[in-house]
Amino acid sequence: MSKILVTGGSGFVGSQTIIELLKAGHDPYITDSTVKPWIRNLLPEDQIFERDFTFIPEDVEFDAVLHLAAMHNVTDSMTNPGKYYSTNVNNMQKFLENVVARNIKNVVYASSSSVYGNAGLQHFALSETTPTQPISPYSTTKAIGEMMLRDYTTVYGINHISLRYFNVSGADPGCELGYTQTPATHLIPTVCKNINEGNPVIIYGTDYRTLDGTSIRDYTHVSDIAVGNVQALDYLISGGDSHTINLAGGQGYTVGDVVTACSYCVNADPEIIRAERRDGDAHRLVADITKADDILDWRPKYTLMEMINHAWEWEVKNAK
């Protein structure tokens, strides 16, 4: 049984990862500013409502840390870059200093497909060797986080894996956990929520160079992401080397495709509003997931339709 610390462990990805860690026989702890009673939260009570995810207790020896805590709204980062650099970069440096001070040798870092920017215009499938081209403050902070990890690995011998998540979607297959961010920013839960509430569905950008004019993304079920997190932690704990690895479905869908699929899944015909592109949105992000299979023996389990069905079940169950 390995002791694993998960920063941001009460979030969408973190909660699902805790389930997978427990299934795998690990002993998970979290630090987060929100509290779920079934997770041991190690953040001191006087910090519970502060965004300080750098705390690592001195009285527990951890085998590895999964660093999920971050701000992750691309659109918001375009107008509020300072808070993204403060949380995602300044706190990353504090976090790594704590990792060194606690002599923790294994770190899995939640990075993002957004670091590729518009590289998808030149590369059909984005591999980990594709040059990064961040186009938003958020994506820049994620790229910086990867570079910081590499530097700390060189100097302090920290083994790490940077996992580049591609559009995390769906909900817990058992409908016990799901996406709760308010306001919702991920496409599938946003569409499900609007359909359930009888509101229009907004599509941002209809002039991309695609068949229907909307941008293309690669969607990954949150349960698949959680399994990938655990497999990356296990790989490092067993002595694996440092890597950067894509976690994705390996297939691209336009926003229009996804909205149509959501409408079909829930048997609805929502009003569609077409709006201008949002600053910071990439044209096309589709992953080559060969390395995840080769290094972690990881492959996605769930299809797009299953992601939508799970997200819809969660939305209906938790609708107010």
Protein backbone atom coordinates (compact mmCIF):
# COMPACT_ATOMS: atom_id res chain seq x y z
CA MET A 1 0.00 0.00 0.00
CA SER A 2 1.52 3.29 -1.14
CA LYS A 3 0.72 6.63 0.47
CA ILE A 4 -0.34 9.07 -2.25
CA LEU A 5 -0.98 12.79 -1.81
CA VAL A 6 -3.41 14.35 -4.30
CA THR A 7 -3.48 18.14 -4.46
CA GLY A 8 -6.88 19.42 -5.55
CA GLY A 9 -8.23 16.01 -4.63
CA SER A 10 -11.88 17.06 -4.22
CA GLY A 11 -12.24 18.25 -7.81
CA PHE A 12 -13.73 16.58 -10.89
CA VAL A 13 -10.62 14.57 -11.72
CA GLY A 14 -9.34 14.32 -8.15
CA SER A 15 -12.48 12.71 -6.71
CA GLN A 16 -12.58 10.08 -9.43
CA THR A 17 -8.87 9.41 -8.96
CA ILE A 18 -9.36 8.82 -5.24
CA ILE A 19 -11.84 6.06 -6.14
CA GLU A 20 -9.32 4.44 -8.47
CA LEU A 21 -6.51 4.74 -5.91
CA LEU A 22 -8.64 2.97 -3.33
CA LYS A 23 -9.52 0.25 -5.83
CA ALA A 24 -5.81 -0.23 -6.49
CA GLY A 25 -5.10 -0.66 -2.78
CA HIS A 26 -3.36 2.68 -2.22
CA ASP A 27 -3.69 4.98 0.78
CA PRO A 28 -4.76 8.40 -0.62
CA TYR A 29 -4.67 11.77 1.12
CA ILE A 30 -5.66 15.15 -0.29
CA THR A 31 -5.13 18.83 0.13
CA ASP A 32 -7.96 20.94 -1.23
CA SER A 33 -9.98 24.03 -0.33
CA THR A 34 -13.24 22.05 -0.40
CA VAL A 35 -14.10 19.15 1.85
CA LYS A 36 -15.70 15.79 1.04
CA PRO A 37 -16.23 13.67 4.17
CA TRP A 38 -15.07 10.41 2.59
CA ILE A 39 -11.63 11.83 1.71
CA ARG A 40 -8.93 12.61 4.25
CA ASN A 41 -8.15 16.29 3.76
CA LEU A 42 -4.75 17.28 5.16
CA LEU A 43 -5.13 21.00 4.57
CA PRO A 44 -5.05 22.80 7.94
CA GLU A 45 -8.43 24.09 9.07
CA ASP A 46 -7.28 27.71 8.87
CA GLN A 47 -6.43 27.18 5.19
CA ILE A 48 -9.54 25.26 4.10
CA PHE A 49 -10.98 28.22 2.19
CA GLU A 50 -7.70 29.53 0.82
CA ARG A 51 -6.22 28.55 -2.54
CA ASP A 52 -2.93 27.30 -1.10
CA PHE A 53 -2.42 23.80 -2.48
CA THR A 54 1.30 23.73 -1.72
CA PHE A 55 0.93 22.33 1.79
CA ILE A 56 2.56 18.92 2.34
CA PRO A 57 2.44 17.63 5.92
CA GLU A 58 5.68 16.74 7.66
CA ASP A 59 4.37 13.75 9.63
CA VAL A 60 3.46 11.53 6.64
CA GLU A 61 5.98 9.95 4.30
CA PHE A 62 4.47 9.91 0.83
CA ASP A 63 5.51 7.55 -1.93
CA ALA A 64 4.23 9.91 -4.61
CA VAL A 65 2.23 13.08 -5.24
CA LEU A 66 -0.38 13.75 -7.92
CA HIS A 67 -0.51 17.51 -8.51
CA LEU A 68 -3.95 18.41 -9.88
CA ALA A 69 -4.54 21.74 -8.16
CA ALA A 70 -4.70 24.58 -10.67
CA MET A 71 -6.91 27.18 -12.30
CA HIS A 72 -7.97 25.94 -15.72
CA ASN A 73 -10.36 28.26 -17.55
CA VAL A 74 -8.77 29.26 -20.86
CA THR A 75 -11.23 32.09 -21.56
CA ASP A 76 -10.89 33.57 -18.08
CA SER A 77 -7.10 33.46 -18.34
CA MET A 78 -7.24 35.73 -21.40
CA THR A 79 -8.56 38.59 -19.26
CA ASN A 80 -7.16 37.62 -15.84
CA PRO A 81 -3.66 36.30 -16.53
CA GLY A 82 -2.24 37.32 -13.15
CA LYS A 83 -4.24 34.85 -11.09
CA TYR A 84 -3.21 32.00 -13.42
CA TYR A 85 0.48 32.83 -13.10
CA SER A 86 0.07 33.20 -9.34
CA THR A 87 -1.76 29.89 -8.84
CA ASN A 88 -0.31 27.74 -11.61
CA VAL A 89 3.28 29.00 -11.63
CA ASN A 90 4.09 30.67 -8.30
CA ASN A 91 2.31 27.94 -6.33
CA MET A 92 3.94 25.30 -8.53
CA GLN A 93 7.33 26.58 -7.38
CA LYS A 94 6.20 26.48 -3.73
CA PHE A 95 4.84 22.98 -4.28
CA LEU A 96 8.10 21.72 -5.76
CA GLU A 97 10.12 23.25 -2.92
CA ASN A 98 7.91 21.31 -0.50
CA VAL A 99 8.40 18.14 -2.54
CA VAL A 100 12.17 18.59 -2.24
CA ALA A 101 11.97 19.40 1.48
CA ARG A 102 9.87 16.26 2.14
CA ASN A 103 12.23 14.14 -0.01
CA ILE A 104 9.38 12.96 -2.26
CA LYS A 105 10.84 11.43 -5.42
CA ASN A 106 7.75 10.73 -7.54
CA VAL A 107 5.45 13.43 -8.96
CA VAL A 108 2.63 13.12 -11.49
CA TYR A 109 1.62 16.51 -12.88
CA ALA A 110 -1.71 17.31 -14.53
CA SER A 111 -0.79 19.20 -17.67
CA SER A 112 -3.04 20.00 -20.61
CA SER A 113 -3.49 19.49 -24.33
CA SER A 114 -3.72 23.28 -24.55
CA VAL A 115 0.09 23.47 -24.48
CA TYR A 116 0.00 22.42 -28.15
CA GLY A 117 -1.92 25.55 -29.13
CA ASN A 118 -2.47 25.58 -32.88
CA ALA A 119 0.14 22.93 -33.63
CA GLY A 120 -2.82 20.81 -34.70
CA LEU A 121 -2.98 22.84 -37.90
CA GLN A 122 0.34 21.30 -38.97
CA HIS A 123 0.17 17.90 -37.25
CA PHE A 124 -2.76 15.52 -37.79
CA ALA A 125 -2.20 13.77 -34.44
CA LEU A 126 -0.28 15.53 -31.70
CA SER A 127 2.50 13.44 -30.20
CA GLU A 128 4.56 14.32 -27.15
CA THR A 129 7.41 15.38 -29.46
CA THR A 130 5.23 17.94 -31.29
CA PRO A 131 6.55 21.43 -30.46
CA THR A 132 4.30 23.23 -27.99
CA GLN A 133 2.71 26.53 -29.01
CA PRO A 134 0.74 27.96 -26.06
CA ILE A 135 -1.80 30.60 -27.12
CA SER A 136 -3.35 31.54 -23.77
CA PRO A 137 -2.01 32.45 -20.32
CA TYR A 138 -3.49 29.19 -19.01
CA SER A 139 -1.71 27.04 -21.59
CA THR A 140 1.51 28.98 -21.01
CA THR A 141 1.35 28.26 -17.27
CA LYS A 142 0.91 24.55 -17.98
CA ALA A 143 3.91 24.53 -20.31
CA ILE A 144 5.94 26.36 -17.67
CA GLY A 145 4.91 23.77 -15.08
CA GLU A 146 6.28 21.01 -17.30
CA MET A 147 9.57 22.89 -17.70
CA MET A 148 9.83 23.47 -13.95
CA LEU A 149 9.38 19.75 -13.32
CA ARG A 150 12.13 18.92 -15.79
CA ASP A 151 14.48 21.38 -14.09
CA TYR A 152 13.74 20.00 -10.62
CA THR A 153 14.28 16.50 -11.97
CA THR A 154 17.71 17.50 -13.24
CA VAL A 155 18.77 19.17 -9.99
CA TYR A 156 17.01 17.12 -7.31
CA GLY A 157 16.42 13.74 -8.94
CA ILE A 158 12.61 13.93 -8.86
CA ASN A 159 11.06 11.35 -11.17
CA HIS A 160 7.97 12.75 -12.82
CA ILE A 161 5.32 12.25 -15.44
CA SER A 162 3.52 15.19 -17.01
CA LEU A 163 0.13 13.95 -18.22
CA ARG A 164 -1.40 16.07 -20.96
CA TYR A 165 -5.15 15.67 -20.51
CA PHE A 166 -7.39 16.14 -23.55
CA ASN A 167 -10.89 17.48 -22.74
CA VAL A 168 -11.92 15.52 -19.67
CA SER A 169 -15.60 14.57 -19.92
CA GLY A 170 -18.32 12.27 -18.63
CA ALA A 171 -19.03 11.39 -15.01
CA ASP A 172 -18.50 8.47 -12.66
CA PRO A 173 -20.04 5.43 -14.41
CA GLY A 174 -21.91 4.64 -11.18
CA CYS A 175 -23.26 8.21 -11.11
CA GLU A 176 -21.78 8.83 -7.66
CA LEU A 177 -19.50 11.67 -8.77
CA GLY A 178 -19.47 14.17 -11.60
CA TYR A 179 -18.77 17.64 -12.85
CA THR A 180 -19.90 20.34 -10.42
CA GLN A 181 -18.03 23.46 -11.50
CA THR A 182 -20.13 26.63 -11.49
CA PRO A 183 -20.35 28.16 -13.99
CA ALA A 184 -19.76 25.09 -16.15
CA THR A 185 -17.04 25.52 -18.76
CA HIS A 186 -16.51 22.02 -20.21
CA LEU A 187 -18.50 21.46 -23.40
CA ILE A 188 -20.37 18.22 -22.67
CA PRO A 189 -21.64 19.11 -19.16
CA THR A 190 -22.51 22.60 -20.38
CA VAL A 191 -24.60 21.21 -23.25
CA CYS A 192 -26.26 18.66 -20.95
CA LYS A 193 -27.06 21.31 -18.37
CA ASN A 194 -28.55 23.71 -20.91
CA ILE A 195 -30.66 21.00 -22.53
CA ASN A 196 -31.93 19.82 -19.14
CA GLU A 197 -32.84 23.37 -18.14
CA GLY A 198 -34.42 24.19 -21.52
CA ASN A 199 -31.80 26.83 -22.36
CA PRO A 200 -30.12 27.45 -25.72
CA VAL A 201 -26.78 25.81 -26.50
CA ILE A 202 -24.06 28.26 -27.53
CA ILE A 203 -21.41 27.25 -30.05
CA TYR A 204 -18.39 29.54 -30.05
CA GLY A 205 -16.71 29.88 -33.43
CA THR A 206 -18.20 28.70 -36.71
CA ASP A 207 -15.45 29.80 -39.10
CA TYR A 208 -12.78 27.18 -38.36
CA ARG A 209 -11.41 25.16 -41.27
CA THR A 210 -13.57 22.11 -40.59
CA LEU A 211 -16.58 20.56 -42.31
CA ASP A 212 -19.07 22.32 -40.05
CA GLY A 213 -16.90 25.32 -39.20
CA THR A 214 -16.49 24.43 -35.50
CA SER A 215 -13.28 23.55 -33.70
CA ILE A 216 -12.11 19.96 -33.13
CA ARG A 217 -11.33 18.36 -29.78
CA ASP A 218 -10.36 14.94 -28.41
CA TYR A 219 -12.53 13.83 -25.48
CA THR A 220 -11.49 11.57 -22.60
CA HIS A 221 -13.72 10.04 -19.94
CA VAL A 222 -12.89 11.20 -16.41
CA SER A 223 -12.73 7.57 -15.28
CA ASP A 224 -10.14 6.82 -17.97
CA ILE A 225 -8.14 9.85 -16.84
CA ALA A 226 -8.30 8.64 -13.23
CA VAL A 227 -7.05 5.20 -14.23
CA GLY A 228 -4.24 6.85 -16.20
CA ASN A 229 -3.28 8.87 -13.12
CA VAL A 230 -3.03 5.72 -11.02
CA GLN A 231 -1.04 3.86 -13.68
CA ALA A 232 1.39 6.79 -13.93
CA LEU A 233 1.84 6.83 -10.14
CA ASP A 234 2.39 3.06 -10.08
CA TYR A 235 4.90 3.34 -12.91
CA LEU A 236 6.99 5.91 -11.03
CA ILE A 237 6.75 4.12 -7.68
CA SER A 238 8.04 0.95 -9.35
CA GLY A 239 11.11 2.83 -10.59
CA GLY A 240 9.99 4.18 -13.96
CA ASP A 241 11.69 7.07 -15.75
CA SER A 242 10.37 10.58 -16.30
CA HIS A 243 8.07 11.17 -19.28
CA THR A 244 5.51 13.48 -20.83
CA ILE A 245 2.43 11.52 -21.94
CA ASN A 246 -0.86 12.32 -23.67
CA LEU A 247 -4.07 10.95 -22.14
CA ALA A 248 -6.85 11.14 -24.70
CA GLY A 249 -9.40 9.25 -26.70
CA GLY A 250 -7.26 9.45 -29.81
CA GLN A 251 -10.12 10.67 -32.00
CA GLY A 252 -11.29 14.17 -32.87
CA TYR A 253 -14.85 15.51 -32.95
CA THR A 254 -16.06 18.96 -33.92
CA VAL A 255 -18.07 20.95 -31.40
CA GLY A 256 -20.98 20.58 -33.80
CA ASP A 257 -20.57 16.79 -33.75
CA VAL A 258 -20.67 16.77 -29.96
CA VAL A 259 -23.74 18.99 -29.72
CA THR A 260 -25.53 16.75 -32.23
CA ALA A 261 -24.50 13.64 -30.29
CA CYS A 262 -25.75 15.16 -27.03
CA SER A 263 -29.08 16.03 -28.64
CA TYR A 264 -29.41 12.48 -29.97
CA CYS A 265 -28.47 10.85 -26.65
CA VAL A 266 -31.06 12.77 -24.64
CA ASN A 267 -33.69 12.95 -27.41
CA ALA A 268 -33.80 16.74 -27.47
CA ASP A 269 -33.74 19.48 -30.09
CA PRO A 270 -32.18 22.49 -28.34
CA GLU A 271 -31.99 25.97 -29.79
CA ILE A 272 -28.47 26.58 -31.12
CA ILE A 273 -26.87 30.02 -30.87
CA ARG A 274 -23.75 30.57 -32.96
CA ALA A 275 -21.31 33.07 -31.49
CA GLU A 276 -17.87 34.47 -32.28
CA ARG A 277 -14.71 32.54 -31.49
CA ARG A 278 -13.34 32.92 -27.98
CA ASP A 279 -9.80 34.20 -27.58
CA GLY A 280 -7.36 31.44 -26.66
CA ASP A 281 -9.32 28.58 -28.25
CA ALA A 282 -7.21 26.30 -30.44
CA HIS A 283 -8.32 25.16 -33.88
CA ARG A 284 -7.72 21.42 -33.56
CA LEU A 285 -6.46 19.22 -30.69
CA VAL A 286 -6.32 15.49 -31.40
CA ALA A 287 -3.81 13.20 -29.68
CA ASP A 288 -1.48 10.43 -30.66
CA ILE A 289 -1.87 8.10 -27.64
CA THR A 290 0.75 5.52 -28.62
CA LYS A 291 3.08 6.50 -25.80
CA ALA A 292 0.43 6.04 -23.09
CA ASP A 293 -0.05 2.48 -24.33
CA ASP A 294 3.68 1.77 -24.62
CA ILE A 295 4.77 3.26 -21.27
CA LEU A 296 1.73 2.94 -19.01
CA ASP A 297 -0.22 0.14 -20.71
CA TRP A 298 -3.11 2.63 -20.78
CA ARG A 299 -5.89 2.75 -23.35
CA PRO A 300 -9.20 4.63 -23.16
CA LYS A 301 -12.19 2.47 -22.29
CA TYR A 302 -15.17 4.75 -22.86
CA THR A 303 -16.63 6.11 -26.12
CA LEU A 304 -17.94 9.62 -26.75
CA MET A 305 -21.53 8.40 -26.50
CA GLU A 306 -20.82 6.77 -23.14
CA MET A 307 -19.25 10.01 -21.89
CA ILE A 308 -22.36 11.91 -22.91
CA ASN A 309 -24.71 9.34 -21.34
CA HIS A 310 -22.81 9.41 -18.04
CA ALA A 311 -22.69 13.23 -18.03
CA TRP A 312 -26.44 13.38 -18.73
CA GLU A 313 -27.28 10.89 -15.96
CA TRP A 314 -25.23 12.97 -13.51
CA GLU A 315 -26.87 16.23 -14.63
CA VAL A 316 -30.38 14.84 -14.29
CA LYS A 317 -29.59 13.33 -10.88
CA ASN A 318 -28.13 16.58 -9.54
CA ALA A 319 -30.34 19.15 -11.25
CA LYS A 320 -31.72 21.72 -8.85
